[in-house]
Amino acid sequence: MGLNRLKVVLAEQKRTGKWLAETLGKNEATVFRWCANVSQPSLETLFEIEKALNVDVRELLISTKNDKG
């Protein structure tokens, strides 16, 4: 199971991994691995992504909390 929703958020904003890679100064293959949940960005990078996409960092993450009381 993946830990991030980066691919979903990029699609919602009609942005590409290539755009994000260029914006962050990262390798496009690295961003692809994040989108595929093969690897995860660092916490510092997550906050850079948050700024680039103008979203709350929590929107980039999949909750692991069990909401059943």
PDB file of N, CA and C in Angstrom:
ATOM      1  N   MET A   1       0.844  -1.198   0.000  1.00  0.00           N
ATOM      2  CA  MET A   1       0.000   0.000   0.000  1.00  0.00           C
ATOM      3  C   MET A   1       0.880   1.250   0.000  1.00  0.00           C
ATOM      4  N   GLY A   2       0.480   2.218  -0.775  1.00  0.00           N
ATOM      5  CA  GLY A   2       1.226   3.467  -0.853  1.00  0.00           C
ATOM      6  C   GLY A   2       0.966   4.359   0.347  1.00  0.00           C
ATOM      7  N   LEU A   3       1.866   5.287   0.531  1.00  0.00           N
ATOM      8  CA  LEU A   3       1.738   6.209   1.650  1.00  0.00           C
ATOM      9  C   LEU A   3       1.381   7.622   1.210  1.00  0.00           C
ATOM     10  N   ASN A   4       1.527   7.905  -0.093  1.00  0.00           N
ATOM     11  CA  ASN A   4       1.222   9.266  -0.520  1.00  0.00           C
ATOM     12  C   ASN A   4       0.191   9.297  -1.641  1.00  0.00           C
ATOM     13  N   ARG A   5      -0.438  10.452  -1.781  1.00  0.00           N
ATOM     14  CA  ARG A   5      -1.470  10.686  -2.788  1.00  0.00           C
ATOM     15  C   ARG A   5      -0.959  11.631  -3.866  1.00  0.00           C
ATOM     16  N   LEU A   6       0.336  11.689  -4.037  1.00  0.00           N
ATOM     17  CA  LEU A   6       0.931  12.667  -4.939  1.00  0.00           C
ATOM     18  C   LEU A   6       0.385  12.541  -6.354  1.00  0.00           C
ATOM     19  N   LYS A   7       0.279  11.328  -6.864  1.00  0.00           N
ATOM     20  CA  LYS A   7      -0.228  11.113  -8.218  1.00  0.00           C
ATOM     21  C   LYS A   7      -1.648  11.658  -8.363  1.00  0.00           C
ATOM     22  N   VAL A   8      -2.480  11.427  -7.346  1.00  0.00           N
ATOM     23  CA  VAL A   8      -3.869  11.894  -7.351  1.00  0.00           C
ATOM     24  C   VAL A   8      -3.925  13.413  -7.335  1.00  0.00           C
ATOM     25  N   VAL A   9      -3.141  14.026  -6.452  1.00  0.00           N
ATOM     26  CA  VAL A   9      -3.155  15.487  -6.332  1.00  0.00           C
ATOM     27  C   VAL A   9      -2.643  16.139  -7.617  1.00  0.00           C
ATOM     28  N   LEU A  10      -1.595  15.569  -8.208  1.00  0.00           N
ATOM     29  CA  LEU A  10      -1.105  16.105  -9.486  1.00  0.00           C
ATOM     30  C   LEU A  10      -2.194  16.019 -10.548  1.00  0.00           C
ATOM     31  N   ALA A  11      -2.898  14.894 -10.617  1.00  0.00           N
ATOM     32  CA  ALA A  11      -3.972  14.732 -11.605  1.00  0.00           C
ATOM     33  C   ALA A  11      -5.103  15.726 -11.352  1.00  0.00           C
ATOM     34  N   GLU A  12      -5.459  15.918 -10.096  1.00  0.00           N
ATOM     35  CA  GLU A  12      -6.523  16.872  -9.748  1.00  0.00           C
ATOM     36  C   GLU A  12      -6.165  18.282 -10.210  1.00  0.00           C
ATOM     37  N   GLN A  13      -4.886  18.609 -10.152  1.00  0.00           N
ATOM     38  CA  GLN A  13      -4.430  19.947 -10.532  1.00  0.00           C
ATOM     39  C   GLN A  13      -3.982  20.021 -11.990  1.00  0.00           C
ATOM     40  N   LYS A  14      -4.149  18.895 -12.708  1.00  0.00           N
ATOM     41  CA  LYS A  14      -3.734  18.826 -14.113  1.00  0.00           C
ATOM     42  C   LYS A  14      -2.254  19.193 -14.273  1.00  0.00           C
ATOM     43  N   ARG A  15      -1.462  18.690 -13.347  1.00  0.00           N
ATOM     44  CA  ARG A  15      -0.007  18.876 -13.363  1.00  0.00           C
ATOM     45  C   ARG A  15       0.649  17.536 -13.669  1.00  0.00           C
ATOM     46  N   THR A  16       1.877  17.580 -14.108  1.00  0.00           N
ATOM     47  CA  THR A  16       2.602  16.352 -14.417  1.00  0.00           C
ATOM     48  C   THR A  16       3.773  16.166 -13.454  1.00  0.00           C
ATOM     49  N   GLY A  17       4.251  14.930 -13.413  1.00  0.00           N
ATOM     50  CA  GLY A  17       5.446  14.652 -12.635  1.00  0.00           C
ATOM     51  C   GLY A  17       6.629  15.442 -13.158  1.00  0.00           C
ATOM     52  N   LYS A  18       6.667  15.600 -14.476  1.00  0.00           N
ATOM     53  CA  LYS A  18       7.753  16.387 -15.092  1.00  0.00           C
ATOM     54  C   LYS A  18       7.715  17.823 -14.581  1.00  0.00           C
ATOM     55  N   TRP A  19       6.533  18.410 -14.529  1.00  0.00           N
ATOM     56  CA  TRP A  19       6.388  19.781 -14.013  1.00  0.00           C
ATOM     57  C   TRP A  19       6.890  19.854 -12.574  1.00  0.00           C
ATOM     58  N   LEU A  20       6.480  18.876 -11.751  1.00  0.00           N
ATOM     59  CA  LEU A  20       6.888  18.892 -10.348  1.00  0.00           C
ATOM     60  C   LEU A  20       8.397  18.731 -10.222  1.00  0.00           C
ATOM     61  N   ALA A  21       8.964  17.839 -11.012  1.00  0.00           N
ATOM     62  CA  ALA A  21      10.418  17.626 -10.976  1.00  0.00           C
ATOM     63  C   ALA A  21      11.149  18.921 -11.316  1.00  0.00           C
ATOM     64  N   GLU A  22      10.696  19.601 -12.361  1.00  0.00           N
ATOM     65  CA  GLU A  22      11.325  20.865 -12.761  1.00  0.00           C
ATOM     66  C   GLU A  22      11.149  21.930 -11.686  1.00  0.00           C
ATOM     67  N   THR A  23       9.964  21.987 -11.098  1.00  0.00           N
ATOM     68  CA  THR A  23       9.675  22.979 -10.065  1.00  0.00           C
ATOM     69  C   THR A  23      10.554  22.777  -8.831  1.00  0.00           C
ATOM     70  N   LEU A  24      10.765  21.510  -8.465  1.00  0.00           N
ATOM     71  CA  LEU A  24      11.544  21.200  -7.265  1.00  0.00           C
ATOM     72  C   LEU A  24      13.033  21.047  -7.540  1.00  0.00           C
ATOM     73  N   GLY A  25      13.407  21.013  -8.818  1.00  0.00           N
ATOM     74  CA  GLY A  25      14.801  20.773  -9.160  1.00  0.00           C
ATOM     75  C   GLY A  25      15.219  19.341  -8.876  1.00  0.00           C
ATOM     76  N   LYS A  26      14.279  18.410  -9.054  1.00  0.00           N
ATOM     77  CA  LYS A  26      14.537  16.992  -8.797  1.00  0.00           C
ATOM     78  C   LYS A  26      14.563  16.228 -10.114  1.00  0.00           C
ATOM     79  N   ASN A  27      15.100  15.026 -10.058  1.00  0.00           N
ATOM     80  CA  ASN A  27      15.114  14.143 -11.206  1.00  0.00           C
ATOM     81  C   ASN A  27      13.693  13.644 -11.476  1.00  0.00           C
ATOM     82  N   GLU A  28      13.305  13.621 -12.751  1.00  0.00           N
ATOM     83  CA  GLU A  28      11.958  13.183 -13.112  1.00  0.00           C
ATOM     84  C   GLU A  28      11.697  11.739 -12.674  1.00  0.00           C
ATOM     85  N   ALA A  29      12.721  10.887 -12.735  1.00  0.00           N
ATOM     86  CA  ALA A  29      12.570   9.491 -12.313  1.00  0.00           C
ATOM     87  C   ALA A  29      12.282   9.394 -10.815  1.00  0.00           C
ATOM     88  N   THR A  30      12.868  10.295 -10.047  1.00  0.00           N
ATOM     89  CA  THR A  30      12.618  10.318  -8.599  1.00  0.00           C
ATOM     90  C   THR A  30      11.157  10.642  -8.329  1.00  0.00           C
ATOM     91  N   VAL A  31      10.639  11.654  -9.008  1.00  0.00           N
ATOM     92  CA  VAL A  31       9.232  12.041  -8.832  1.00  0.00           C
ATOM     93  C   VAL A  31       8.321  10.897  -9.284  1.00  0.00           C
ATOM     94  N   PHE A  32       8.688  10.209 -10.373  1.00  0.00           N
ATOM     95  CA  PHE A  32       7.901   9.069 -10.834  1.00  0.00           C
ATOM     96  C   PHE A  32       7.822   8.001  -9.740  1.00  0.00           C
ATOM     97  N   ARG A  33       8.937   7.733  -9.072  1.00  0.00           N
ATOM     98  CA  ARG A  33       8.941   6.725  -7.998  1.00  0.00           C
ATOM     99  C   ARG A  33       8.057   7.156  -6.832  1.00  0.00           C
ATOM    100  N   TRP A  34       8.038   8.454  -6.542  1.00  0.00           N
ATOM    101  CA  TRP A  34       7.130   8.947  -5.488  1.00  0.00           C
ATOM    102  C   TRP A  34       5.683   8.730  -5.904  1.00  0.00           C
ATOM    103  N   CYS A  35       5.361   9.089  -7.145  1.00  0.00           N
ATOM    104  CA  CYS A  35       3.983   8.960  -7.636  1.00  0.00           C
ATOM    105  C   CYS A  35       3.520   7.506  -7.663  1.00  0.00           C
ATOM    106  N   ALA A  36       4.457   6.600  -7.929  1.00  0.00           N
ATOM    107  CA  ALA A  36       4.145   5.172  -7.974  1.00  0.00           C
ATOM    108  C   ALA A  36       4.229   4.534  -6.583  1.00  0.00           C
ATOM    109  N   ASN A  37       4.574   5.322  -5.578  1.00  0.00           N
ATOM    110  CA  ASN A  37       4.736   4.850  -4.209  1.00  0.00           C
ATOM    111  C   ASN A  37       5.793   3.757  -4.090  1.00  0.00           C
ATOM    112  N   VAL A  38       6.792   3.825  -4.958  1.00  0.00           N
ATOM    113  CA  VAL A  38       7.939   2.919  -4.863  1.00  0.00           C
ATOM    114  C   VAL A  38       8.880   3.430  -3.782  1.00  0.00           C
ATOM    115  N   SER A  39       8.986   4.740  -3.702  1.00  0.00           N
ATOM    116  CA  SER A  39       9.759   5.387  -2.639  1.00  0.00           C
ATOM    117  C   SER A  39       8.980   6.611  -2.195  1.00  0.00           C
ATOM    118  N   GLN A  40       9.412   7.207  -1.091  1.00  0.00           N
ATOM    119  CA  GLN A  40       8.700   8.346  -0.523  1.00  0.00           C
ATOM    120  C   GLN A  40       9.631   9.552  -0.426  1.00  0.00           C
ATOM    121  N   PRO A  41       9.084  10.739  -0.657  1.00  0.00           N
ATOM    122  CA  PRO A  41       9.901  11.942  -0.467  1.00  0.00           C
ATOM    123  C   PRO A  41      10.181  12.153   1.015  1.00  0.00           C
ATOM    124  N   SER A  42      11.267  12.848   1.283  1.00  0.00           N
ATOM    125  CA  SER A  42      11.579  13.192   2.677  1.00  0.00           C
ATOM    126  C   SER A  42      10.532  14.172   3.198  1.00  0.00           C
ATOM    127  N   LEU A  43      10.492  14.333   4.490  1.00  0.00           N
ATOM    128  CA  LEU A  43       9.562  15.284   5.104  1.00  0.00           C
ATOM    129  C   LEU A  43       9.828  16.694   4.585  1.00  0.00           C
ATOM    130  N   GLU A  44      11.091  17.045   4.482  1.00  0.00           N
ATOM    131  CA  GLU A  44      11.453  18.365   3.958  1.00  0.00           C
ATOM    132  C   GLU A  44      10.911  18.538   2.535  1.00  0.00           C
ATOM    133  N   THR A  45      11.067  17.514   1.708  1.00  0.00           N
ATOM    134  CA  THR A  45      10.585  17.581   0.328  1.00  0.00           C
ATOM    135  C   THR A  45       9.068  17.635   0.282  1.00  0.00           C
ATOM    136  N   LEU A  46       8.398  16.923   1.180  1.00  0.00           N
ATOM    137  CA  LEU A  46       6.929  16.991   1.225  1.00  0.00           C
ATOM    138  C   LEU A  46       6.465  18.435   1.420  1.00  0.00           C
ATOM    139  N   PHE A  47       7.165  19.185   2.262  1.00  0.00           N
ATOM    140  CA  PHE A  47       6.788  20.577   2.480  1.00  0.00           C
ATOM    141  C   PHE A  47       7.096  21.438   1.256  1.00  0.00           C
ATOM    142  N   GLU A  48       8.127  21.079   0.490  1.00  0.00           N
ATOM    143  CA  GLU A  48       8.391  21.773  -0.779  1.00  0.00           C
ATOM    144  C   GLU A  48       7.267  21.484  -1.776  1.00  0.00           C
ATOM    145  N   ILE A  49       6.818  20.233  -1.802  1.00  0.00           N
ATOM    146  CA  ILE A  49       5.717  19.843  -2.692  1.00  0.00           C
ATOM    147  C   ILE A  49       4.443  20.583  -2.289  1.00  0.00           C
ATOM    148  N   GLU A  50       4.203  20.678  -0.981  1.00  0.00           N
ATOM    149  CA  GLU A  50       3.041  21.392  -0.461  1.00  0.00           C
ATOM    150  C   GLU A  50       3.004  22.824  -1.006  1.00  0.00           C
ATOM    151  N   LYS A  51       4.147  23.492  -0.967  1.00  0.00           N
ATOM    152  CA  LYS A  51       4.216  24.875  -1.462  1.00  0.00           C
ATOM    153  C   LYS A  51       4.011  24.933  -2.975  1.00  0.00           C
ATOM    154  N   ALA A  52       4.658  24.001  -3.692  1.00  0.00           N
ATOM    155  CA  ALA A  52       4.565  24.009  -5.153  1.00  0.00           C
ATOM    156  C   ALA A  52       3.135  23.786  -5.627  1.00  0.00           C
ATOM    157  N   LEU A  53       2.401  22.898  -4.938  1.00  0.00           N
ATOM    158  CA  LEU A  53       1.034  22.566  -5.340  1.00  0.00           C
ATOM    159  C   LEU A  53      -0.018  23.381  -4.602  1.00  0.00           C
ATOM    160  N   ASN A  54       0.419  24.187  -3.636  1.00  0.00           N
ATOM    161  CA  ASN A  54      -0.490  25.019  -2.845  1.00  0.00           C
ATOM    162  C   ASN A  54      -1.593  24.178  -2.198  1.00  0.00           C
ATOM    163  N   VAL A  55      -1.180  23.105  -1.525  1.00  0.00           N
ATOM    164  CA  VAL A  55      -2.111  22.245  -0.797  1.00  0.00           C
ATOM    165  C   VAL A  55      -1.576  22.036   0.613  1.00  0.00           C
ATOM    166  N   ASP A  56      -2.443  21.605   1.506  1.00  0.00           N
ATOM    167  CA  ASP A  56      -2.019  21.223   2.841  1.00  0.00           C
ATOM    168  C   ASP A  56      -1.252  19.912   2.722  1.00  0.00           C
ATOM    169  N   VAL A  57      -0.165  19.790   3.431  1.00  0.00           N
ATOM    170  CA  VAL A  57       0.661  18.584   3.341  1.00  0.00           C
ATOM    171  C   VAL A  57      -0.156  17.330   3.655  1.00  0.00           C
ATOM    172  N   ARG A  58      -1.187  17.466   4.482  1.00  0.00           N
ATOM    173  CA  ARG A  58      -2.025  16.306   4.826  1.00  0.00           C
ATOM    174  C   ARG A  58      -2.775  15.771   3.617  1.00  0.00           C
ATOM    175  N   GLU A  59      -3.020  16.624   2.612  1.00  0.00           N
ATOM    176  CA  GLU A  59      -3.684  16.170   1.392  1.00  0.00           C
ATOM    177  C   GLU A  59      -2.779  15.268   0.561  1.00  0.00           C
ATOM    178  N   LEU A  60      -1.488  15.315   0.836  1.00  0.00           N
ATOM    179  CA  LEU A  60      -0.521  14.510   0.089  1.00  0.00           C
ATOM    180  C   LEU A  60      -0.318  13.132   0.712  1.00  0.00           C
ATOM    181  N   LEU A  61      -0.860  12.918   1.899  1.00  0.00           N
ATOM    182  CA  LEU A  61      -0.625  11.683   2.633  1.00  0.00           C
ATOM    183  C   LEU A  61      -1.875  10.849   2.740  1.00  0.00           C
ATOM    184  N   ILE A  62      -1.706   9.543   2.788  1.00  0.00           N
ATOM    185  CA  ILE A  62      -2.818   8.621   3.035  1.00  0.00           C
ATOM    186  C   ILE A  62      -2.845   8.357   4.534  1.00  0.00           C
ATOM    187  N   SER A  63      -3.997   8.584   5.139  1.00  0.00           N
ATOM    188  CA  SER A  63      -4.123   8.389   6.567  1.00  0.00           C
ATOM    189  C   SER A  63      -3.977   6.916   6.913  1.00  0.00           C
ATOM    190  N   THR A  64      -3.213   6.639   7.954  1.00  0.00           N
ATOM    191  CA  THR A  64      -3.075   5.270   8.440  1.00  0.00           C
ATOM    192  C   THR A  64      -3.871   5.078   9.732  1.00  0.00           C
ATOM    193  N   LYS A  65      -4.583   6.128  10.138  1.00  0.00           N
ATOM    194  CA  LYS A  65      -5.373   6.064  11.369  1.00  0.00           C
ATOM    195  C   LYS A  65      -6.650   5.261  11.111  1.00  0.00           C
ATOM    196  N   ASN A  66      -6.951   4.383  12.009  1.00  0.00           N
ATOM    197  CA  ASN A  66      -8.194   3.621  11.924  1.00  0.00           C
ATOM    198  C   ASN A  66      -9.295   4.446  12.578  1.00  0.00           C
ATOM    199  N   ASP A  67     -10.267   4.883  11.766  1.00  0.00           N
ATOM    200  CA  ASP A  67     -11.320   5.768  12.279  1.00  0.00           C
ATOM    201  C   ASP A  67     -12.404   5.026  13.027  1.00  0.00           C
ATOM    202  N   LYS A  68     -12.356   3.717  13.055  1.00  0.00           N
ATOM    203  CA  LYS A  68     -13.363   2.940  13.780  1.00  0.00           C
ATOM    204  C   LYS A  68     -13.044   2.973  15.265  1.00  0.00           C
ATOM    205  N   GLY A  69     -13.980   3.523  16.037  1.00  0.00           N
ATOM    206  CA  GLY A  69     -13.810   3.802  17.410  1.00  0.00           C
ATOM    207  C   GLY A  69     -13.426   2.813  18.379  1.00  0.00           C
TER     208      GLY A  69
END
